[in-house]
């Protein structure tokens, strides 16, 4: 069997290694770090565990597994749990988060939300209206937001790629038309979920993920949004690495790749900082975007226009920071059974109280630290460029202690009520904190960040490469590679690793099955409207809502109800067959009595 050298031991690299080793390939994986899993790995706080307990568990950010993470979950289902575990495979360690909450600063309470099934287009509008009513938003704001969300859902993939990829989410959603209060919400939601500023992220990417997260709440059951039932390395990554070794994969930690050699249009070897060189039949470059760009030499770029575009790209403009801080508490503060979002926080915070999901491991204070810590509040900081409220500086310009002070104060401002006897978080609760190890303060401020996230600015799809490069024995894997997921997440990285493995299987003419890939799913009832929009787009015409001059969600809902009653969702195609597209809308509206 051919042998494969994988550079990078994050989710993408481990996935590619898994798929290839499972099919009998000889696989070698190299990573700069001494621990595996990249950004997903746990970061134990060294020296904090005593009396046989593990060190306190830090991490890059909280672990979030929504419904559409199919590639990652499948990989977990194929990975045996650690010996002695109560479950056969690591996916069984996932725990359902049955609720979520929003904690505004200007309110005396939080808002909890549950799920509701959506069966028709206008159900989406009603669900959004109810959601925003609870948050006391203006009806006009909620109506416009619902209209634009429904417009995106009913837009064709041709329009999304050809038009919306070049447009920011803010411009598409008409962000300047909302009230200041709603604008804060519109800015906060993408930042807290995927570190994206809606003014910088493309409509195509943010629209798809917004729909996926919204549709998560339209599914029955309680396992649409999940979190890991313990530290990620302990519950998933360590068993995964053990399984890979059992499959024959050879893992080489703590070895940094310094270059790839090229001759006769192919990769001939990889060089490492320890002086080692290794050659292979095929290579997978599975390092973060910045590291990949650094390894793309002029010789490599000359062999592949996609690599040349990536080498010339402005990485600073493509990535942003989303890093974690953990607060270790003397007593557990569960908050809600899920994630809490803080739309008014200048640093775009999201939190989850983790011990309530780690019961499988036993009482937290008996498992971790020195026996004093009973609670763990894990927080993601997603905006590092806006001045704080209590420490009036950008997070990038703050010391770790200042970051702790500002984040802790932002949490207290949102979670604590007006009654001093009903404070959720108090300073007396705080034992210690841990800031993401990937922030390097060795050179002073601002720190270096080894874990930037692609933020998908408009037009960035053109810069991003496919997994299979034009070089016949080089593939790329990472959350910046073109995928169905189209988001810088462990799900996107896992899919990219599968795509790299499939490219190698194709190139070696392997007779084994290809790794499964899952497109993101949207409701089937939207398909006829997407087909109508595709026909309109192909003829250079705007979306149906724009064509009709619809300005509110209520008008859109009325049109969709009447179209549904007139034609049935399945008969839109019949209308397209019977009329020229330039006249089909007028014909439908005439039948509806609108024109």
Protein backbone atom coordinates (compact mmCIF):
# COMPACT_ATOMS: atom_id res chain seq x y z
CA UNK A 1 0.00 0.00 0.00
CA UNK A 2 1.19 3.58 -0.61
CA UNK A 3 2.46 5.47 2.40
CA UNK A 4 1.17 8.90 3.42
CA UNK A 5 2.80 11.66 5.47
CA UNK A 6 0.36 13.96 7.28
CA UNK A 7 1.71 17.29 8.52
CA UNK A 8 -0.58 18.46 11.33
CA UNK A 9 -2.26 16.56 14.14
CA UNK A 10 -5.44 18.58 14.62
CA UNK A 11 -8.92 17.33 13.76
CA UNK A 12 -8.24 17.53 10.01
CA UNK A 13 -4.95 15.62 10.15
CA UNK A 14 -6.22 12.95 12.54
CA UNK A 15 -9.33 12.47 10.36
CA UNK A 16 -7.27 11.96 7.22
CA UNK A 17 -5.01 9.54 9.10
CA UNK A 18 -8.04 7.63 10.43
CA UNK A 19 -9.66 7.21 7.02
CA UNK A 20 -6.43 6.10 5.35
CA UNK A 21 -5.12 3.83 8.12
CA UNK A 22 -8.51 2.14 8.29
CA UNK A 23 -8.07 1.27 4.61
CA UNK A 24 -4.60 -0.19 5.08
CA UNK A 25 -2.37 2.75 4.16
CA UNK A 26 0.88 3.32 6.01
CA UNK A 27 0.39 6.70 7.69
CA UNK A 28 2.80 8.96 9.57
CA UNK A 29 1.44 12.04 11.37
CA UNK A 30 3.67 14.88 12.56
CA UNK A 31 2.62 17.78 14.77
CA UNK A 32 4.44 20.71 16.34
CA UNK A 33 2.64 20.21 19.66
CA UNK A 34 3.27 17.34 22.03
CA UNK A 35 -0.49 16.84 22.46
CA UNK A 36 -2.96 15.93 19.75
CA UNK A 37 -6.15 17.60 18.59
CA UNK A 38 -5.10 21.13 17.65
CA UNK A 39 -7.55 23.77 18.82
CA UNK A 40 -9.89 21.07 20.15
CA UNK A 41 -7.37 19.70 22.64
CA UNK A 42 -7.68 20.18 26.40
CA UNK A 43 -5.15 22.38 28.19
CA UNK A 44 -4.60 21.03 31.72
CA UNK A 45 -3.37 23.69 34.14
CA UNK A 46 -0.01 22.20 35.15
CA UNK A 47 0.59 21.52 38.82
CA UNK A 48 -2.98 22.10 39.99
CA UNK A 49 -3.94 18.45 40.58
CA UNK A 50 -3.14 16.88 43.95
CA UNK A 51 -4.07 13.72 45.82
CA UNK A 52 -4.43 11.63 42.67
CA UNK A 53 -6.73 14.16 40.99
CA UNK A 54 -6.15 15.43 37.44
CA UNK A 55 -4.99 18.98 36.79
CA UNK A 56 -7.75 21.56 36.41
CA UNK A 57 -9.07 21.32 32.82
CA UNK A 58 -8.45 24.36 30.65
CA UNK A 59 -9.30 24.53 26.95
CA UNK A 60 -9.18 26.72 23.86
CA UNK A 61 -12.95 27.22 24.09
CA UNK A 62 -16.09 25.41 25.14
CA UNK A 63 -17.08 22.35 23.13
CA UNK A 64 -20.23 22.79 21.04
CA UNK A 65 -21.68 20.03 18.84
CA UNK A 66 -24.85 21.19 17.03
CA UNK A 67 -27.11 18.93 15.02
CA UNK A 68 -25.36 19.56 11.70
CA UNK A 69 -21.96 18.26 12.94
CA UNK A 70 -22.39 14.93 11.15
CA UNK A 71 -18.76 14.31 10.13
CA UNK A 72 -17.37 14.75 13.64
CA UNK A 73 -20.11 12.65 15.24
CA UNK A 74 -19.58 9.85 12.71
CA UNK A 75 -15.87 9.85 13.54
CA UNK A 76 -16.70 9.56 17.24
CA UNK A 77 -19.08 6.70 16.56
CA UNK A 78 -16.21 4.83 14.89
CA UNK A 79 -13.80 5.42 17.78
CA UNK A 80 -13.78 3.02 20.77
CA UNK A 81 -13.93 4.69 24.17
CA UNK A 82 -11.05 4.31 26.59
CA UNK A 83 -10.70 0.92 28.32
CA UNK A 84 -12.96 0.75 31.34
CA UNK A 85 -15.28 3.50 30.11
CA UNK A 86 -19.00 3.05 30.68
CA UNK A 87 -19.71 3.51 26.95
CA UNK A 88 -18.48 1.57 23.89
CA UNK A 89 -17.67 4.57 21.66
CA UNK A 90 -16.67 8.14 22.39
CA UNK A 91 -19.84 9.67 20.91
CA UNK A 92 -21.67 8.27 23.94
CA UNK A 93 -19.80 10.82 26.06
CA UNK A 94 -21.74 13.65 24.41
CA UNK A 95 -24.39 15.24 26.61
CA UNK A 96 -27.55 16.98 25.41
CA UNK A 97 -27.96 20.65 26.24
CA UNK A 98 -31.71 20.99 26.64
CA UNK A 99 -31.90 24.76 26.76
CA UNK A 100 -30.00 27.93 25.97
CA UNK A 101 -30.20 31.44 27.36
CA UNK A 102 -29.58 35.05 26.48
CA UNK A 103 -28.40 37.36 29.25
CA UNK A 104 -28.68 41.06 28.34
CA UNK A 105 -27.10 43.59 30.65
CA UNK A 106 -30.08 45.93 30.60
CA UNK A 107 -32.52 43.34 31.92
CA UNK A 108 -33.10 41.91 35.38
CA UNK A 109 -33.34 38.35 34.13
CA UNK A 110 -32.13 35.91 31.51
CA UNK A 111 -34.26 34.48 28.74
CA UNK A 112 -34.41 30.72 28.24
CA UNK A 113 -35.47 29.16 24.97
CA UNK A 114 -36.82 25.77 23.92
CA UNK A 115 -37.39 24.15 20.54
CA UNK A 116 -40.34 24.17 18.22
CA UNK A 117 -40.87 22.20 15.02
CA UNK A 118 -41.16 24.29 11.85
CA UNK A 119 -43.14 22.71 9.04
CA UNK A 120 -43.88 25.60 6.66
CA UNK A 121 -42.05 28.71 5.46
CA UNK A 122 -44.23 31.10 7.43
CA UNK A 123 -43.72 29.01 10.60
CA UNK A 124 -40.17 30.30 10.53
CA UNK A 125 -41.45 33.86 10.68
CA UNK A 126 -43.80 33.09 13.55
CA UNK A 127 -41.01 31.40 15.53
CA UNK A 128 -38.70 34.37 15.03
CA UNK A 129 -41.47 36.79 15.98
CA UNK A 130 -42.08 34.91 19.24
CA UNK A 131 -38.35 34.79 19.95
CA UNK A 132 -37.90 38.52 19.52
CA UNK A 133 -41.06 39.35 21.45
CA UNK A 134 -39.57 37.67 24.49
CA UNK A 135 -36.49 39.85 24.10
CA UNK A 136 -38.72 42.94 23.84
CA UNK A 137 -37.55 43.93 20.38
CA UNK A 138 -39.46 46.32 18.16
CA UNK A 139 -41.95 44.63 15.82
CA UNK A 140 -40.44 46.35 12.79
CA UNK A 141 -36.98 44.99 13.64
CA UNK A 142 -38.28 41.45 14.08
CA UNK A 143 -40.28 41.68 10.87
CA UNK A 144 -37.33 42.81 8.76
CA UNK A 145 -35.05 40.17 10.28
CA UNK A 146 -37.62 37.46 9.59
CA UNK A 147 -38.08 38.65 6.02
CA UNK A 148 -34.36 38.58 5.24
CA UNK A 149 -33.91 35.19 6.92
CA UNK A 150 -36.73 33.73 4.85
CA UNK A 151 -35.32 35.36 1.71
CA UNK A 152 -31.99 33.62 2.27
CA UNK A 153 -33.66 30.27 2.98
CA UNK A 154 -35.61 30.48 -0.29
CA UNK A 155 -32.59 31.58 -2.35
CA UNK A 156 -30.91 29.16 -4.74
CA UNK A 157 -27.34 27.96 -4.38
CA UNK A 158 -26.51 29.77 -7.64
CA UNK A 159 -27.58 33.07 -6.12
CA UNK A 160 -25.84 32.34 -2.84
CA UNK A 161 -22.52 31.64 -4.56
CA UNK A 162 -22.78 34.17 -7.39
CA UNK A 163 -24.33 37.08 -5.48
CA UNK A 164 -24.36 36.53 -1.72
CA UNK A 165 -20.75 35.30 -1.46
CA UNK A 166 -19.67 38.81 -2.46
CA UNK A 167 -21.97 40.56 0.04
CA UNK A 168 -21.52 41.02 3.78
CA UNK A 169 -24.17 39.59 6.11
CA UNK A 170 -24.73 43.08 7.53
CA UNK A 171 -25.52 44.55 4.12
CA UNK A 172 -27.77 41.65 3.15
CA UNK A 173 -29.71 41.90 6.42
CA UNK A 174 -29.97 45.70 5.96
CA UNK A 175 -28.24 46.16 9.30
CA UNK A 176 -28.36 49.97 9.21
CA UNK A 177 -32.17 49.88 9.08
CA UNK A 178 -32.59 48.36 12.57
CA UNK A 179 -32.83 50.10 15.90
CA UNK A 180 -29.55 50.47 17.84
CA UNK A 181 -30.72 47.82 20.31
CA UNK A 182 -31.37 45.30 17.55
CA UNK A 183 -28.13 46.16 15.79
CA UNK A 184 -26.28 45.03 18.90
CA UNK A 185 -28.10 41.69 18.70
CA UNK A 186 -27.37 41.35 14.98
CA UNK A 187 -23.67 41.97 15.59
CA UNK A 188 -23.49 39.71 18.64
CA UNK A 189 -24.98 36.45 17.37
CA UNK A 190 -22.42 35.64 14.62
CA UNK A 191 -19.55 36.75 16.86
CA UNK A 192 -20.54 34.51 19.74
CA UNK A 193 -21.03 31.44 17.57
CA UNK A 194 -18.22 31.58 15.03
CA UNK A 195 -16.11 34.66 15.87
CA UNK A 196 -17.51 36.46 12.83
CA UNK A 197 -18.31 40.11 12.55
CA UNK A 198 -21.42 40.38 10.34
CA UNK A 199 -19.85 43.43 8.72
CA UNK A 200 -16.89 41.27 7.65
CA UNK A 201 -18.40 37.81 7.08
CA UNK A 202 -20.03 36.86 3.77
CA UNK A 203 -23.78 36.43 3.46
CA UNK A 204 -23.34 32.98 1.94
CA UNK A 205 -21.45 31.62 4.95
CA UNK A 206 -23.25 33.40 7.77
CA UNK A 207 -26.64 32.85 6.18
CA UNK A 208 -26.15 29.09 5.90
CA UNK A 209 -24.88 28.71 9.46
CA UNK A 210 -27.56 31.00 10.88
CA UNK A 211 -30.15 28.78 9.24
CA UNK A 212 -28.51 25.63 10.56
CA UNK A 213 -28.47 26.96 14.12
CA UNK A 214 -32.05 28.17 13.81
CA UNK A 215 -33.19 24.86 12.36
CA UNK A 216 -31.55 23.05 15.25
CA UNK A 217 -34.38 24.46 17.34
CA UNK A 218 -36.92 23.19 14.83
CA UNK A 219 -36.08 19.52 15.37
CA UNK A 220 -37.81 17.24 17.82
CA UNK A 221 -35.88 15.73 20.72
CA UNK A 222 -33.27 17.20 23.03
CA UNK A 223 -29.97 16.15 21.43
CA UNK A 224 -29.69 18.78 18.71
CA UNK A 225 -27.13 20.79 20.65
CA UNK A 226 -24.59 18.76 22.62
CA UNK A 227 -21.46 19.27 24.65
CA UNK A 228 -18.73 16.88 25.72
CA UNK A 229 -19.25 15.04 29.02
CA UNK A 230 -15.72 15.77 30.24
CA UNK A 231 -12.41 17.29 29.09
CA UNK A 232 -12.14 16.82 25.34
CA UNK A 233 -8.74 15.16 25.33
CA UNK A 234 -9.73 12.73 28.06
CA UNK A 235 -13.11 11.80 26.60
CA UNK A 236 -12.37 11.88 22.85
CA UNK A 237 -8.87 12.72 21.64
CA UNK A 238 -6.82 10.32 23.78
CA UNK A 239 -9.04 7.33 22.86
CA UNK A 240 -8.92 8.46 19.23
CA UNK A 241 -5.12 8.58 19.18
CA UNK A 242 -4.98 5.15 20.83
CA UNK A 243 -7.33 3.80 18.16
CA UNK A 244 -5.22 5.30 15.37
CA UNK A 245 -2.13 3.64 16.76
CA UNK A 246 -4.09 0.40 16.91
CA UNK A 247 -4.84 0.83 13.21
CA UNK A 248 -1.10 1.11 12.55
CA UNK A 249 -0.78 4.88 12.20
CA UNK A 250 2.55 6.19 13.48
CA UNK A 251 2.30 9.49 15.36
CA UNK A 252 5.26 11.82 15.88
CA UNK A 253 4.49 14.60 18.42
CA UNK A 254 6.59 17.69 19.05
CA UNK A 255 8.17 17.81 15.59
CA UNK A 256 7.67 20.96 13.48
CA UNK A 257 7.71 20.76 9.70
CA UNK A 258 9.99 23.41 8.20
CA UNK A 259 9.52 22.76 4.49
CA UNK A 260 8.40 20.57 1.61
CA UNK A 261 10.86 19.64 -1.14
CA UNK A 262 9.77 19.72 -4.79
CA UNK A 263 11.15 18.06 -7.92
CA UNK A 264 9.63 17.18 -11.28
CA UNK A 265 6.25 18.66 -10.29
CA UNK A 266 5.85 16.52 -7.17
CA UNK A 267 6.59 16.64 -3.46
CA UNK A 268 9.71 14.60 -2.79
CA UNK A 269 10.09 14.99 0.95
CA UNK A 270 9.31 16.89 4.14
CA UNK A 271 11.91 18.52 6.38
CA UNK A 272 11.55 18.96 10.14
CA UNK A 273 13.08 21.23 12.76
CA UNK A 274 14.84 18.32 14.49
CA UNK A 275 16.89 17.69 11.36
CA UNK A 276 14.81 14.74 10.21
CA UNK A 277 13.66 14.32 6.61
CA UNK A 278 11.05 11.86 5.43
CA UNK A 279 9.69 10.98 2.02
CA UNK A 280 6.33 9.44 1.18
CA UNK A 281 4.16 8.61 -1.78
CA UNK A 282 1.52 11.17 -0.77
CA UNK A 283 1.43 14.19 1.54
CA UNK A 284 -1.39 15.88 3.43
CA UNK A 285 -0.80 19.43 4.62
CA UNK A 286 -3.17 19.69 7.59
CA UNK A 287 -1.88 22.73 9.45
CA UNK A 288 -3.70 26.02 10.23
CA UNK A 289 -4.07 28.65 7.54
CA UNK A 290 -1.13 30.80 8.67
CA UNK A 291 1.18 27.78 8.92
CA UNK A 292 0.05 26.49 5.53
CA UNK A 293 0.78 29.84 3.91
CA UNK A 294 4.27 29.85 5.43
CA UNK A 295 5.01 26.42 3.94
CA UNK A 296 3.86 27.35 0.43
CA UNK A 297 7.11 28.23 -1.30
CA UNK A 298 7.38 29.90 -4.73
CA UNK A 299 8.17 26.45 -6.14
CA UNK A 300 4.91 25.04 -4.77
CA UNK A 301 2.90 28.08 -5.84
CA UNK A 302 4.23 27.74 -9.40
CA UNK A 303 2.70 24.27 -9.62
CA UNK A 304 -0.83 25.19 -8.50
CA UNK A 305 -2.73 28.46 -9.04
CA UNK A 306 -4.83 27.76 -5.91
CA UNK A 307 -1.67 27.54 -3.80
CA UNK A 308 -0.43 30.73 -5.43
CA UNK A 309 -3.65 32.52 -4.44
CA UNK A 310 -3.36 31.21 -0.89
CA UNK A 311 0.28 32.28 -0.66
CA UNK A 312 -0.61 35.80 -1.78
CA UNK A 313 -3.67 36.12 0.46
CA UNK A 314 -3.88 38.68 3.25
CA UNK A 315 -4.17 36.29 6.17
CA UNK A 316 -4.71 39.14 8.64
CA UNK A 317 -7.86 40.03 6.73
CA UNK A 318 -9.07 36.44 6.63
CA UNK A 319 -8.85 35.46 10.30
CA UNK A 320 -10.05 36.69 13.68
CA UNK A 321 -9.62 35.54 17.28
CA UNK A 322 -11.98 33.37 19.28
CA UNK A 323 -10.23 32.10 22.40
CA UNK A 324 -11.26 30.73 25.75
CA UNK A 325 -10.93 31.62 29.39
CA UNK A 326 -12.06 29.30 32.20
CA UNK A 327 -13.12 30.42 35.67
CA UNK A 328 -12.67 27.80 38.37
CA UNK A 329 -15.18 28.29 41.20
CA UNK A 330 -15.30 27.07 44.77
CA UNK A 331 -18.93 26.04 44.25
CA UNK A 332 -20.77 24.98 41.11
CA UNK A 333 -23.01 27.57 39.42
CA UNK A 334 -24.96 25.60 36.78
CA UNK A 335 -26.74 28.66 35.24
CA UNK A 336 -28.72 26.93 32.45
CA UNK A 337 -28.61 23.46 30.92
CA UNK A 338 -26.70 24.73 27.91
CA UNK A 339 -24.97 27.78 26.49
CA UNK A 340 -25.56 31.37 27.55
CA UNK A 341 -25.07 34.26 25.14
CA UNK A 342 -24.28 37.84 26.18
CA UNK A 343 -25.38 40.16 23.33
CA UNK A 344 -24.42 43.36 25.20
CA UNK A 345 -20.89 42.25 26.08
CA UNK A 346 -18.33 44.27 24.10
CA UNK A 347 -16.10 41.22 23.84
CA UNK A 348 -18.91 38.96 22.49
CA UNK A 349 -18.95 36.42 25.30
CA UNK A 350 -20.52 32.98 25.36
CA UNK A 351 -20.38 30.67 28.36
CA UNK A 352 -21.27 27.21 29.55
CA UNK A 353 -21.16 25.77 33.06
CA UNK A 354 -19.53 22.39 32.52
CA UNK A 355 -19.64 20.21 35.69
CA UNK A 356 -23.39 19.62 35.28
CA UNK A 357 -22.53 17.72 32.07
CA UNK A 358 -19.58 15.80 33.54
CA UNK A 359 -21.49 13.62 36.03
CA UNK A 360 -20.23 10.47 34.31
CA UNK A 361 -16.80 11.26 35.76
CA UNK A 362 -18.06 11.80 39.29
CA UNK A 363 -18.05 14.87 41.52
CA UNK A 364 -15.89 17.57 39.94
CA UNK A 365 -13.89 18.45 43.06
CA UNK A 366 -13.00 14.77 43.53
CA UNK A 367 -11.68 14.45 39.99
CA UNK A 368 -9.80 17.69 39.36
CA UNK A 369 -7.54 20.16 41.14
CA UNK A 370 -6.77 20.22 44.85
CA UNK A 371 -10.27 19.38 46.08
CA UNK A 372 -11.37 23.00 46.53
CA UNK A 373 -12.82 23.63 43.06
CA UNK A 374 -16.44 22.62 42.57
CA UNK A 375 -17.42 24.65 39.50
CA UNK A 376 -16.10 25.52 36.06
CA UNK A 377 -17.48 28.32 33.89
CA UNK A 378 -15.91 28.12 30.41
CA UNK A 379 -16.14 31.33 28.39
CA UNK A 380 -15.36 32.17 24.77
CA UNK A 381 -14.08 35.66 23.99
CA UNK A 382 -14.94 36.37 20.35
CA UNK A 383 -14.20 40.08 19.92
CA UNK A 384 -10.61 41.11 20.66
CA UNK A 385 -10.74 44.48 18.90
CA UNK A 386 -13.44 46.38 20.84
CA UNK A 387 -12.59 48.25 24.07
CA UNK A 388 -13.95 46.69 27.24
CA UNK A 389 -16.37 48.32 29.66
CA UNK A 390 -14.49 47.89 32.93
CA UNK A 391 -10.97 47.78 31.47
CA UNK A 392 -11.34 50.28 28.62
CA UNK A 393 -8.91 48.59 26.26
CA UNK A 394 -9.09 46.04 23.47
CA UNK A 395 -8.64 42.49 24.67
CA UNK A 396 -5.52 42.31 22.49
CA UNK A 397 -4.03 45.17 24.49
CA UNK A 398 -4.76 43.64 27.89
CA UNK A 399 -2.62 41.46 30.11
CA UNK A 400 -4.07 38.07 31.13
CA UNK A 401 -5.03 39.54 34.51
CA UNK A 402 -6.83 42.45 32.82
CA UNK A 403 -8.65 40.03 30.52
CA UNK A 404 -9.78 38.06 33.56
CA UNK A 405 -10.97 41.24 35.27
CA UNK A 406 -12.96 42.49 32.26
CA UNK A 407 -14.58 39.14 31.36
CA UNK A 408 -15.52 38.41 34.97
CA UNK A 409 -17.07 41.89 35.28
CA UNK A 410 -19.00 41.47 32.01
CA UNK A 411 -20.42 38.16 33.25
CA UNK A 412 -21.48 39.66 36.57
CA UNK A 413 -23.11 42.64 34.83
CA UNK A 414 -25.28 40.30 32.74
CA UNK A 415 -26.02 37.55 35.28
CA UNK A 416 -26.46 39.38 38.57
CA UNK A 417 -29.83 40.98 39.28
CA UNK A 418 -30.52 44.25 41.04
CA UNK A 419 -31.12 42.56 44.40
CA UNK A 420 -27.75 42.30 46.23
CA UNK A 421 -29.03 39.18 47.98
CA UNK A 422 -29.58 37.40 44.65
CA UNK A 423 -26.14 37.62 43.06
CA UNK A 424 -25.30 34.68 40.79
CA UNK A 425 -21.56 35.36 40.54
CA UNK A 426 -19.57 36.86 43.40
CA UNK A 427 -15.87 37.46 43.79
CA UNK A 428 -15.86 35.07 46.74
CA UNK A 429 -16.75 32.23 44.35
CA UNK A 430 -13.67 32.70 42.16
CA UNK A 431 -10.81 30.28 42.86
CA UNK A 432 -8.61 30.90 39.81
CA UNK A 433 -8.70 31.25 36.04
CA UNK A 434 -7.00 29.85 32.93
CA UNK A 435 -6.43 31.70 29.65
CA UNK A 436 -5.95 29.91 26.34
CA UNK A 437 -2.42 28.48 26.06
CA UNK A 438 -2.30 29.45 22.37
CA UNK A 439 -1.91 33.11 23.37
CA UNK A 440 1.83 33.85 23.57
CA UNK A 441 2.74 36.88 25.70
CA UNK A 442 6.46 36.22 25.45
CA UNK A 443 6.97 39.22 23.18
CA UNK A 444 4.70 41.54 25.15
CA UNK A 445 1.43 43.07 23.98
CA UNK A 446 -0.41 42.32 21.85
CA UNK A 447 0.19 38.58 22.21
CA UNK A 448 0.69 36.20 19.35
CA UNK A 449 -2.21 33.86 18.69
CA UNK A 450 -1.47 30.45 17.20
CA UNK A 451 -5.18 29.65 16.72
CA UNK A 452 -6.78 32.25 14.49
CA UNK A 453 -10.10 31.39 12.85
CA UNK A 454 -11.10 32.00 9.24
CA UNK A 455 -13.95 34.54 9.23
CA UNK A 456 -15.04 34.10 5.59
CA UNK A 457 -15.04 37.70 4.35
CA UNK A 458 -16.90 38.40 1.08
CA UNK A 459 -15.09 36.83 -1.84
CA UNK A 460 -12.88 34.58 0.30
CA UNK A 461 -14.25 31.42 -1.35
CA UNK A 462 -12.08 32.26 -4.37
CA UNK A 463 -8.96 32.30 -2.18
CA UNK A 464 -9.63 28.98 -0.49
CA UNK A 465 -8.30 25.78 -2.10
CA UNK A 466 -9.89 22.41 -2.72
CA UNK A 467 -8.56 19.47 -0.73
CA UNK A 468 -6.93 17.96 -3.84
CA UNK A 469 -4.20 20.27 -5.06
CA UNK A 470 -2.93 20.38 -8.64
CA UNK A 471 0.27 18.74 -7.38
CA UNK A 472 -0.43 15.03 -7.91
CA UNK A 473 0.79 13.85 -4.50
CA UNK A 474 -0.22 16.79 -2.26
CA UNK A 475 -3.58 17.30 -0.56
CA UNK A 476 -4.73 19.99 1.84
CA UNK A 477 -6.81 19.51 4.98
CA UNK A 478 -7.87 22.22 7.40
CA UNK A 479 -10.86 24.31 8.32
CA UNK A 480 -9.99 26.77 5.53
CA UNK A 481 -10.34 24.15 2.74
CA UNK A 482 -13.51 24.30 0.63
CA UNK A 483 -16.16 22.08 2.19
CA UNK A 484 -19.92 21.71 2.47
CA UNK A 485 -19.59 22.89 6.08
CA UNK A 486 -17.92 26.10 4.90
CA UNK A 487 -17.10 27.19 8.45
CA UNK A 488 -13.89 27.27 10.49
CA UNK A 489 -14.92 24.59 12.99
CA UNK A 490 -13.92 21.07 13.96
CA UNK A 491 -16.75 19.92 11.67
CA UNK A 492 -15.22 21.76 8.72
CA UNK A 493 -11.79 20.38 9.59
CA UNK A 494 -13.14 16.83 9.83
CA UNK A 495 -14.84 17.12 6.45
CA UNK A 496 -11.65 18.53 4.92
CA UNK A 497 -9.67 15.58 6.29
CA UNK A 498 -12.13 13.20 4.64
CA UNK A 499 -11.86 15.06 1.34
CA UNK A 500 -8.06 14.81 1.45
CA UNK A 501 -8.30 11.07 2.16
CA UNK A 502 -10.76 10.60 -0.71
CA UNK A 503 -8.45 12.43 -3.09
CA UNK A 504 -5.63 10.03 -2.19
CA UNK A 505 -7.96 7.06 -2.61
CA UNK A 506 -8.87 8.34 -6.06
CA UNK A 507 -5.27 8.99 -7.03
CA UNK A 508 -4.15 5.53 -5.96
CA UNK A 509 -7.21 3.96 -7.61
CA UNK A 510 -8.13 2.32 -4.35
CA UNK A 511 -10.98 -0.18 -4.50
CA UNK A 512 -12.09 0.67 -0.95
CA UNK A 513 -15.15 2.77 -0.14
CA UNK A 514 -14.71 6.52 -0.02
CA UNK A 515 -15.14 8.47 3.21
CA UNK A 516 -18.70 9.71 3.53
CA UNK A 517 -19.45 13.40 3.01
CA UNK A 518 -22.70 15.05 4.09
CA UNK A 519 -24.01 18.27 2.55
CA UNK A 520 -25.77 20.60 4.96
CA UNK A 521 -29.51 19.97 4.93
CA UNK A 522 -32.29 22.52 4.73
CA UNK A 523 -36.05 21.85 4.85
CA UNK A 524 -37.47 20.08 1.82
CA UNK A 525 -40.38 22.50 1.74
CA UNK A 526 -37.94 25.23 0.67
CA UNK A 527 -36.82 23.33 -2.45
CA UNK A 528 -39.56 24.56 -4.83
CA UNK A 529 -38.89 28.17 -3.86
CA UNK A 530 -35.17 27.63 -4.43
CA UNK A 531 -35.89 26.21 -7.89
CA UNK A 532 -38.02 29.24 -8.69
CA UNK A 533 -35.21 31.51 -7.51
CA UNK A 534 -32.65 29.59 -9.57
CA UNK A 535 -34.72 30.23 -12.69
CA UNK A 536 -35.03 33.90 -11.80
CA UNK A 537 -31.29 34.21 -11.10
CA UNK A 538 -30.32 32.55 -14.36
CA UNK A 539 -32.29 35.26 -16.16
CA UNK A 540 -30.68 38.05 -14.19
CA UNK A 541 -33.79 38.78 -12.13
CA UNK A 542 -33.86 39.50 -8.37
CA UNK A 543 -35.29 37.30 -5.64
CA UNK A 544 -39.08 36.93 -5.56
CA UNK A 545 -39.41 39.17 -2.50
CA UNK A 546 -37.41 41.95 -4.14
CA UNK A 547 -39.28 41.46 -7.40
CA UNK A 548 -42.58 41.99 -5.58
CA UNK A 549 -41.30 44.88 -3.50
CA UNK A 550 -42.02 43.01 -0.25
CA UNK A 551 -40.82 45.04 2.70
CA UNK A 552 -42.08 43.16 5.77
CA UNK A 553 -42.18 39.62 7.06
CA UNK A 554 -45.97 39.78 7.27
CA UNK A 555 -46.21 40.52 3.55
CA UNK A 556 -43.82 37.66 2.79
CA UNK A 557 -45.81 35.28 4.97
CA UNK A 558 -49.04 36.28 3.25
CA UNK A 559 -47.58 35.73 -0.22
CA UNK A 560 -46.20 32.32 0.73
CA UNK A 561 -49.48 31.22 2.30
CA UNK A 562 -51.41 32.19 -0.79
CA UNK A 563 -48.89 30.63 -3.16
CA UNK A 564 -48.97 27.44 -1.09
CA UNK A 565 -52.75 27.32 -1.15
CA UNK A 566 -52.87 28.04 -4.86
CA UNK A 567 -50.22 25.73 -6.22
CA UNK A 568 -49.16 23.43 -3.42
CA UNK A 569 -45.48 23.38 -2.61
CA UNK A 570 -44.84 20.63 -5.13
CA UNK A 571 -46.46 22.45 -8.07
CA UNK A 572 -44.21 25.45 -8.44
CA UNK A 573 -42.23 23.47 -11.01
CA UNK A 574 -45.43 22.97 -13.01
CA UNK A 575 -45.91 26.72 -13.15
CA UNK A 576 -42.34 27.16 -14.32
CA UNK A 577 -43.04 24.68 -17.13
CA UNK A 578 -46.26 26.38 -18.18
CA UNK A 579 -45.08 29.98 -18.24
CA UNK A 580 -41.97 31.83 -19.29
CA UNK A 581 -40.07 32.77 -16.13
CA UNK A 582 -40.44 36.42 -17.03
CA UNK A 583 -44.18 35.97 -16.73
CA UNK A 584 -44.62 33.20 -14.19
CA UNK A 585 -44.61 35.52 -11.19
CA UNK A 586 -47.20 37.82 -12.76
CA UNK A 587 -49.33 34.81 -13.63
CA UNK A 588 -49.18 33.47 -10.10
CA UNK A 589 -49.96 36.85 -8.61
CA UNK A 590 -52.89 37.28 -10.97
CA UNK A 591 -54.29 33.96 -9.79
CA UNK A 592 -53.78 35.12 -6.22
CA UNK A 593 -55.65 38.32 -6.89
CA UNK A 594 -52.66 40.52 -6.12
CA UNK A 595 -52.15 41.83 -9.66
